């Protein structure tokens, strides 16, 4: 009889302690779930903020720009004509003083009527004096 009494007391004590632990565990689980929900909300707002910050930055429009000095440290003036091919080359090459060749041709319509005759213009021939040296 004493055995059954202790057995009942022990089982009731164990049940009470188990119920207390279960309630404590439920409270801890509920607190953790609330914390997880608040962290999810915080992450969602942080993600929205970072996405809005990562959009296109504001554009800068310069209407007038004044440059006072230009400093050139290095200028590469080398030309690579190694692969340049010439298929057709037209024109004339003048070496020396050829002033009459450089004048553009004049059309017959642009000339005055007294110049537009068919007779070629006569140019006076240059006068040349040739004298020989005498040995004396």
N, C-alpha and C. Protein backbone atom coordinates (compact mmCIF):
# COMPACT_ATOMS: atom_id res chain seq x y z
N UNK A 1 0.82 -1.16 0.00
CA UNK A 1 0.00 0.00 0.00
C UNK A 1 0.87 1.25 0.00
N UNK A 2 1.89 1.19 0.74
CA UNK A 2 2.83 2.29 0.73
C UNK A 2 3.46 2.43 -0.66
N UNK A 3 3.65 1.28 -1.29
CA UNK A 3 4.22 1.27 -2.62
C UNK A 3 3.31 1.98 -3.60
N UNK A 4 2.06 1.72 -3.57
CA UNK A 4 1.11 2.34 -4.47
C UNK A 4 0.98 3.83 -4.17
N UNK A 5 1.06 4.18 -2.91
CA UNK A 5 0.98 5.60 -2.54
C UNK A 5 2.15 6.37 -3.14
N UNK A 6 3.36 5.83 -2.96
CA UNK A 6 4.52 6.49 -3.52
C UNK A 6 4.53 6.49 -5.06
N UNK A 7 3.97 5.41 -5.56
CA UNK A 7 3.91 5.31 -7.01
C UNK A 7 2.98 6.39 -7.56
N UNK A 8 1.84 6.61 -6.95
CA UNK A 8 0.91 7.64 -7.38
C UNK A 8 1.52 9.02 -7.20
N UNK A 9 2.16 9.25 -6.05
CA UNK A 9 2.78 10.54 -5.79
C UNK A 9 3.89 10.81 -6.82
N UNK A 10 4.67 9.76 -7.07
CA UNK A 10 5.77 9.91 -8.00
C UNK A 10 5.27 10.17 -9.41
N UNK A 11 4.27 9.45 -9.83
CA UNK A 11 3.73 9.66 -11.17
C UNK A 11 3.10 11.05 -11.29
N UNK A 12 2.40 11.51 -10.25
CA UNK A 12 1.81 12.85 -10.31
C UNK A 12 2.91 13.92 -10.34
N UNK A 13 3.98 13.70 -9.57
CA UNK A 13 5.10 14.63 -9.58
C UNK A 13 5.76 14.67 -10.96
N UNK A 14 5.95 13.50 -11.53
CA UNK A 14 6.57 13.42 -12.86
C UNK A 14 5.69 14.10 -13.89
N UNK A 15 4.36 13.87 -13.81
CA UNK A 15 3.45 14.51 -14.75
C UNK A 15 3.47 16.03 -14.61
N UNK A 16 3.49 16.53 -13.36
CA UNK A 16 3.52 17.96 -13.14
C UNK A 16 4.81 18.57 -13.68
N UNK A 17 5.93 17.90 -13.42
CA UNK A 17 7.20 18.43 -13.89
C UNK A 17 7.28 18.37 -15.42
N UNK A 18 6.71 17.31 -16.00
CA UNK A 18 6.69 17.21 -17.46
C UNK A 18 5.79 18.28 -18.07
N UNK A 19 4.63 18.53 -17.43
CA UNK A 19 3.74 19.59 -17.92
C UNK A 19 4.40 20.96 -17.80
N UNK A 20 5.10 21.18 -16.70
CA UNK A 20 5.80 22.45 -16.51
C UNK A 20 6.89 22.62 -17.58
N UNK A 21 7.64 21.55 -17.84
CA UNK A 21 8.69 21.62 -18.87
C UNK A 21 8.08 21.83 -20.26
N UNK A 22 6.94 21.15 -20.50
CA UNK A 22 6.28 21.31 -21.80
C UNK A 22 5.81 22.76 -21.99
N UNK A 23 5.21 23.31 -20.93
CA UNK A 23 4.76 24.70 -21.01
C UNK A 23 5.94 25.66 -21.21
N UNK A 24 7.02 25.38 -20.50
CA UNK A 24 8.21 26.21 -20.65
C UNK A 24 8.76 26.11 -22.07
N UNK A 25 8.80 24.91 -22.61
CA UNK A 25 9.29 24.70 -23.98
C UNK A 25 8.37 25.37 -24.99
N UNK A 26 7.04 25.30 -24.77
CA UNK A 26 6.10 25.97 -25.68
C UNK A 26 6.33 27.48 -25.67
N UNK A 27 6.53 28.04 -24.48
CA UNK A 27 6.79 29.47 -24.39
C UNK A 27 8.08 29.86 -25.12
N UNK A 28 9.14 29.04 -24.94
CA UNK A 28 10.40 29.32 -25.62
C UNK A 28 10.23 29.22 -27.14
N UNK A 29 9.48 28.22 -27.59
CA UNK A 29 9.26 28.05 -29.03
C UNK A 29 8.47 29.23 -29.59
N UNK A 30 7.46 29.69 -28.87
CA UNK A 30 6.67 30.84 -29.32
C UNK A 30 7.54 32.10 -29.37
N UNK A 31 8.41 32.29 -28.38
CA UNK A 31 9.29 33.45 -28.37
C UNK A 31 10.26 33.40 -29.56
N UNK A 32 10.80 32.21 -29.84
CA UNK A 32 11.71 32.06 -30.98
C UNK A 32 10.98 32.30 -32.31
N UNK A 33 9.73 31.82 -32.42
CA UNK A 33 8.96 32.05 -33.65
C UNK A 33 8.71 33.54 -33.86
N UNK A 34 8.39 34.25 -32.77
CA UNK A 34 8.19 35.69 -32.88
C UNK A 34 9.48 36.39 -33.31
N UNK A 35 10.61 35.96 -32.76
CA UNK A 35 11.89 36.56 -33.12
C UNK A 35 12.23 36.28 -34.58
N UNK A 36 11.93 35.07 -35.03
CA UNK A 36 12.19 34.73 -36.44
C UNK A 36 11.32 35.59 -37.36
N UNK A 37 10.05 35.79 -36.99
CA UNK A 37 9.16 36.63 -37.80
C UNK A 37 9.67 38.07 -37.87
N UNK A 38 10.13 38.59 -36.73
CA UNK A 38 10.65 39.97 -36.75
C UNK A 38 11.92 40.07 -37.59
N UNK A 39 12.78 39.04 -37.53
CA UNK A 39 13.99 39.04 -38.36
C UNK A 39 13.64 38.96 -39.85
N UNK A 40 12.64 38.16 -40.20
CA UNK A 40 12.21 38.08 -41.60
C UNK A 40 11.71 39.43 -42.10
N UNK A 41 10.93 40.11 -41.27
CA UNK A 41 10.42 41.43 -41.66
C UNK A 41 11.57 42.42 -41.83
N UNK A 42 12.54 42.37 -40.91
CA UNK A 42 13.70 43.25 -41.00
C UNK A 42 14.53 42.98 -42.25
N UNK A 43 14.72 41.70 -42.58
CA UNK A 43 15.46 41.35 -43.79
C UNK A 43 14.72 41.80 -45.04
N UNK A 44 13.40 41.67 -45.02
CA UNK A 44 12.63 42.08 -46.18
C UNK A 44 12.75 43.59 -46.41
N UNK A 45 12.67 44.38 -45.33
CA UNK A 45 12.80 45.83 -45.50
C UNK A 45 14.22 46.20 -45.90
N UNK A 46 15.23 45.50 -45.35
CA UNK A 46 16.62 45.76 -45.76
C UNK A 46 16.84 45.43 -47.24
N UNK A 47 16.24 44.33 -47.69
CA UNK A 47 16.37 43.94 -49.10
C UNK A 47 15.71 44.98 -50.00
N UNK A 48 14.55 45.49 -49.61
CA UNK A 48 13.89 46.52 -50.40
C UNK A 48 14.74 47.79 -50.45
N UNK A 49 15.35 48.14 -49.32
CA UNK A 49 16.20 49.33 -49.28
C UNK A 49 17.42 49.19 -50.19
N UNK A 50 18.07 48.02 -50.15
CA UNK A 50 19.25 47.82 -50.99
C UNK A 50 18.87 47.78 -52.46
N UNK A 51 17.73 47.22 -52.80
CA UNK A 51 17.30 47.20 -54.20
C UNK A 51 17.01 48.61 -54.68
N UNK A 52 16.36 49.41 -53.85
CA UNK A 52 16.07 50.78 -54.26
C UNK A 52 17.36 51.60 -54.37
N UNK A 53 18.37 51.30 -53.57
CA UNK A 53 19.64 52.01 -53.65
C UNK A 53 20.45 51.58 -54.87
N UNK A 54 20.26 50.33 -55.34
CA UNK A 54 21.03 49.82 -56.46
C UNK A 54 20.45 50.23 -57.80
N UNK A 55 19.35 50.92 -57.86
CA UNK A 55 18.81 51.38 -59.12
C UNK A 55 19.72 52.45 -59.70
N UNK A 56 19.39 52.93 -60.90
CA UNK A 56 20.24 53.89 -61.59
C UNK A 56 20.52 55.11 -60.73
N UNK A 57 21.78 55.51 -60.68
CA UNK A 57 22.07 56.73 -59.94
C UNK A 57 21.56 57.94 -60.71
N UNK A 58 21.45 59.04 -60.03
CA UNK A 58 20.95 60.26 -60.66
C UNK A 58 21.93 60.72 -61.73
N UNK A 59 21.40 61.18 -62.86
CA UNK A 59 22.24 61.63 -63.97
C UNK A 59 22.61 63.09 -63.77
N UNK A 60 23.83 63.41 -64.18
CA UNK A 60 24.33 64.78 -64.07
C UNK A 60 24.38 65.36 -65.47
N UNK A 61 23.75 66.50 -65.67
CA UNK A 61 23.72 67.17 -66.96
C UNK A 61 24.56 68.43 -66.87
N UNK A 62 25.56 68.55 -67.74
CA UNK A 62 26.43 69.73 -67.78
C UNK A 62 26.03 70.54 -68.99
N UNK A 63 25.54 71.74 -68.77
CA UNK A 63 25.08 72.59 -69.87
C UNK A 63 26.22 73.40 -70.46
N UNK A 64 27.16 73.84 -69.67
CA UNK A 64 28.27 74.65 -70.17
C UNK A 64 29.55 74.21 -69.46
N UNK A 65 30.61 73.98 -70.24
CA UNK A 65 31.87 73.54 -69.69
C UNK A 65 32.97 74.43 -70.24
N UNK A 66 33.75 75.01 -69.37
CA UNK A 66 34.84 75.88 -69.78
C UNK A 66 36.16 75.24 -69.36
N UNK A 67 37.07 75.06 -70.34
CA UNK A 67 38.37 74.45 -70.06
C UNK A 67 39.43 75.53 -70.20
N UNK A 68 40.19 75.73 -69.15
CA UNK A 68 41.22 76.77 -69.16
C UNK A 68 42.56 76.24 -69.63
N UNK A 69 43.00 75.10 -69.15
CA UNK A 69 44.29 74.54 -69.51
C UNK A 69 44.12 73.08 -69.87
N UNK A 70 44.93 72.65 -70.86
CA UNK A 70 44.98 71.24 -71.22
C UNK A 70 46.43 70.81 -71.13
N UNK A 71 46.71 69.86 -70.27
CA UNK A 71 48.06 69.33 -70.12
C UNK A 71 48.10 67.93 -70.69
N UNK A 72 48.97 67.71 -71.68
CA UNK A 72 49.11 66.40 -72.30
C UNK A 72 50.44 65.82 -71.85
N UNK A 73 50.37 64.72 -71.11
CA UNK A 73 51.59 64.08 -70.62
C UNK A 73 52.26 63.26 -71.72
N UNK A 74 51.48 62.54 -72.48
CA UNK A 74 52.04 61.66 -73.50
C UNK A 74 51.10 61.63 -74.69
N UNK A 75 51.63 61.81 -75.88
CA UNK A 75 50.84 61.74 -77.10
C UNK A 75 51.48 60.72 -78.02
N UNK A 76 50.72 59.71 -78.39
CA UNK A 76 51.23 58.67 -79.28
C UNK A 76 50.87 59.06 -80.70
N UNK A 77 51.86 59.49 -81.48
CA UNK A 77 51.63 59.97 -82.83
C UNK A 77 52.09 58.98 -83.89
N UNK A 78 52.30 57.75 -83.51
CA UNK A 78 52.76 56.76 -84.48
C UNK A 78 51.57 56.29 -85.32
N UNK A 79 51.84 56.13 -86.62
CA UNK A 79 50.83 55.64 -87.54
C UNK A 79 51.27 54.31 -88.09
N UNK A 80 50.37 53.38 -88.20
CA UNK A 80 50.69 52.07 -88.73
C UNK A 80 50.04 51.95 -90.10
N UNK A 81 50.83 52.19 -91.13
CA UNK A 81 50.33 52.08 -92.50
C UNK A 81 50.73 50.75 -93.13
N UNK A 82 51.11 49.78 -92.35
CA UNK A 82 51.57 48.50 -92.88
C UNK A 82 50.50 47.76 -93.65
N UNK A 83 49.27 47.86 -93.24
CA UNK A 83 48.19 47.12 -93.89
C UNK A 83 47.38 47.99 -94.83
N UNK A 84 47.85 49.17 -95.16
CA UNK A 84 47.10 50.08 -96.01
C UNK A 84 47.32 49.70 -97.46
N UNK A 85 46.24 49.49 -98.19
CA UNK A 85 46.33 49.13 -99.60
C UNK A 85 45.72 50.23 -100.45
N UNK A 86 46.35 50.53 -101.56
CA UNK A 86 45.85 51.56 -102.46
C UNK A 86 45.47 50.87 -103.76
N UNK A 87 44.20 50.91 -104.12
CA UNK A 87 43.73 50.27 -105.35
C UNK A 87 43.85 51.21 -106.54
N UNK A 88 43.53 52.47 -106.35
CA UNK A 88 43.52 53.41 -107.46
C UNK A 88 44.08 54.73 -106.97
N UNK A 89 45.02 55.27 -107.73
CA UNK A 89 45.64 56.53 -107.34
C UNK A 89 45.57 57.47 -108.54
N UNK A 90 44.83 58.56 -108.40
CA UNK A 90 44.65 59.52 -109.49
C UNK A 90 45.20 60.86 -109.07
N UNK A 91 45.55 61.68 -110.06
CA UNK A 91 46.01 63.02 -109.76
C UNK A 91 47.35 63.27 -110.40
N UNK A 92 47.94 64.38 -110.05
CA UNK A 92 49.22 64.79 -110.60
C UNK A 92 50.13 65.19 -109.47
N UNK A 93 51.40 64.97 -109.69
CA UNK A 93 52.40 65.35 -108.71
C UNK A 93 53.27 66.44 -109.32
N UNK A 94 53.29 67.60 -108.70
CA UNK A 94 54.08 68.74 -109.19
C UNK A 94 55.27 68.93 -108.28
N UNK A 95 56.44 68.94 -108.89
CA UNK A 95 57.67 69.16 -108.14
C UNK A 95 58.28 70.45 -108.66
N UNK A 96 58.51 71.39 -107.81
CA UNK A 96 59.10 72.66 -108.22
C UNK A 96 58.02 73.71 -108.37
N UNK A 97 58.37 74.79 -109.04
CA UNK A 97 57.42 75.89 -109.21
C UNK A 97 56.71 75.74 -110.54
N UNK A 98 55.48 75.36 -110.49
CA UNK A 98 54.65 75.22 -111.69
C UNK A 98 53.37 76.00 -111.43
N UNK A 99 53.48 77.31 -111.47
CA UNK A 99 52.35 78.15 -111.12
C UNK A 99 51.22 78.06 -112.14
N UNK A 100 51.55 77.93 -113.42
CA UNK A 100 50.50 77.87 -114.41
C UNK A 100 49.73 76.56 -114.35
N UNK A 101 50.32 75.50 -113.87
CA UNK A 101 49.63 74.22 -113.74
C UNK A 101 48.67 74.21 -112.56
N UNK A 102 48.93 75.02 -111.57
CA UNK A 102 48.10 75.02 -110.38
C UNK A 102 46.82 75.80 -110.54
N UNK A 103 46.72 76.62 -111.59
CA UNK A 103 45.51 77.41 -111.79
C UNK A 103 44.39 76.49 -112.25
N UNK A 104 43.18 76.67 -111.73
CA UNK A 104 42.08 75.81 -112.18
C UNK A 104 41.74 76.14 -113.62
N UNK A 105 41.33 75.17 -114.42
CA UNK A 105 40.97 75.44 -115.81
C UNK A 105 39.73 76.33 -115.87
N UNK A 106 39.72 77.26 -116.85
CA UNK A 106 38.61 78.19 -116.99
C UNK A 106 37.75 77.69 -118.14
N UNK A 107 36.46 77.61 -117.90
CA UNK A 107 35.57 77.16 -118.97
C UNK A 107 35.38 78.28 -119.99
N UNK A 108 34.97 77.91 -121.21
CA UNK A 108 34.82 78.90 -122.29
C UNK A 108 33.67 79.84 -122.02
N UNK A 109 32.68 79.39 -121.28
CA UNK A 109 31.53 80.26 -120.99
C UNK A 109 31.91 81.37 -120.01
N UNK A 110 32.88 81.10 -119.15
CA UNK A 110 33.26 82.07 -118.14
C UNK A 110 34.16 83.16 -118.71
N UNK A 111 34.75 82.94 -119.88
CA UNK A 111 35.66 83.93 -120.46
C UNK A 111 34.85 85.05 -121.12
N UNK A 112 35.41 86.28 -121.18
CA UNK A 112 34.74 87.36 -121.91
C UNK A 112 34.67 87.04 -123.40
N UNK A 113 33.80 87.74 -124.12
CA UNK A 113 33.55 87.42 -125.54
C UNK A 113 34.76 87.69 -126.42
N UNK A 114 35.58 88.72 -126.13
CA UNK A 114 36.73 89.01 -126.97
C UNK A 114 37.86 88.01 -126.75
N UNK A 115 37.86 87.27 -125.59
CA UNK A 115 38.88 86.27 -125.33
C UNK A 115 38.45 84.93 -125.89
N UNK A 116 37.17 84.73 -126.10
CA UNK A 116 36.60 83.46 -126.48
C UNK A 116 36.80 83.17 -127.97
N UNK A 117 37.71 83.78 -128.61
CA UNK A 117 37.96 83.54 -130.03
C UNK A 117 38.76 82.27 -130.19
N UNK A 118 38.72 81.72 -131.41
CA UNK A 118 39.38 80.45 -131.66
C UNK A 118 40.87 80.60 -131.95
N UNK A 119 41.34 81.81 -132.17
CA UNK A 119 42.77 82.00 -132.45
C UNK A 119 43.54 81.88 -131.15
N UNK A 120 44.61 81.14 -131.19
CA UNK A 120 45.39 80.99 -129.95
C UNK A 120 46.09 82.28 -129.62
N UNK A 121 46.25 82.57 -128.38
CA UNK A 121 46.94 83.80 -127.99
C UNK A 121 48.41 83.72 -128.37
N UNK A 122 48.93 84.83 -128.80
CA UNK A 122 50.34 84.88 -129.18
C UNK A 122 51.16 85.39 -128.01
N UNK A 123 52.15 84.63 -127.70
CA UNK A 123 53.05 85.02 -126.62
C UNK A 123 54.34 85.52 -127.23
N UNK A 124 54.81 86.60 -126.75
CA UNK A 124 56.09 87.07 -127.31
C UNK A 124 57.19 86.09 -126.90
N UNK A 125 58.02 85.75 -127.84
CA UNK A 125 59.11 84.83 -127.54
C UNK A 125 60.20 85.59 -126.78
N UNK A 126 60.86 84.90 -125.88
CA UNK A 126 61.91 85.58 -125.12
C UNK A 126 63.10 85.91 -126.01
N UNK A 127 63.75 87.01 -125.72
CA UNK A 127 64.94 87.46 -126.47
C UNK A 127 66.16 86.92 -125.75
N UNK A 128 67.04 86.34 -126.54
CA UNK A 128 68.24 85.76 -125.97
C UNK A 128 69.43 86.37 -126.70
N UNK A 129 70.36 86.87 -125.97
CA UNK A 129 71.61 87.41 -126.53
C UNK A 129 72.72 86.44 -126.19
N UNK A 130 73.37 85.94 -127.21
CA UNK A 130 74.47 85.01 -127.02
C UNK A 130 75.75 85.69 -127.49
N UNK A 131 76.69 85.79 -126.63
CA UNK A 131 78.00 86.36 -126.99
C UNK A 131 79.07 85.36 -126.65
N UNK A 132 80.05 85.30 -127.43
CA UNK A 132 81.12 84.34 -127.17
C UNK A 132 82.30 85.07 -126.52
N UNK A 133 83.04 84.35 -125.80
CA UNK A 133 84.22 84.92 -125.17
C UNK A 133 85.40 84.81 -126.11
N UNK A 134 86.11 85.80 -126.14
CA UNK A 134 87.33 85.78 -126.97
C UNK A 134 88.51 85.62 -126.06
N UNK A 135 89.38 84.76 -126.47
CA UNK A 135 90.61 84.57 -125.70
C UNK A 135 91.66 85.54 -126.15
N UNK A 136 92.10 86.39 -125.37
CA UNK A 136 93.13 87.31 -125.78
C UNK A 136 94.31 87.22 -124.87
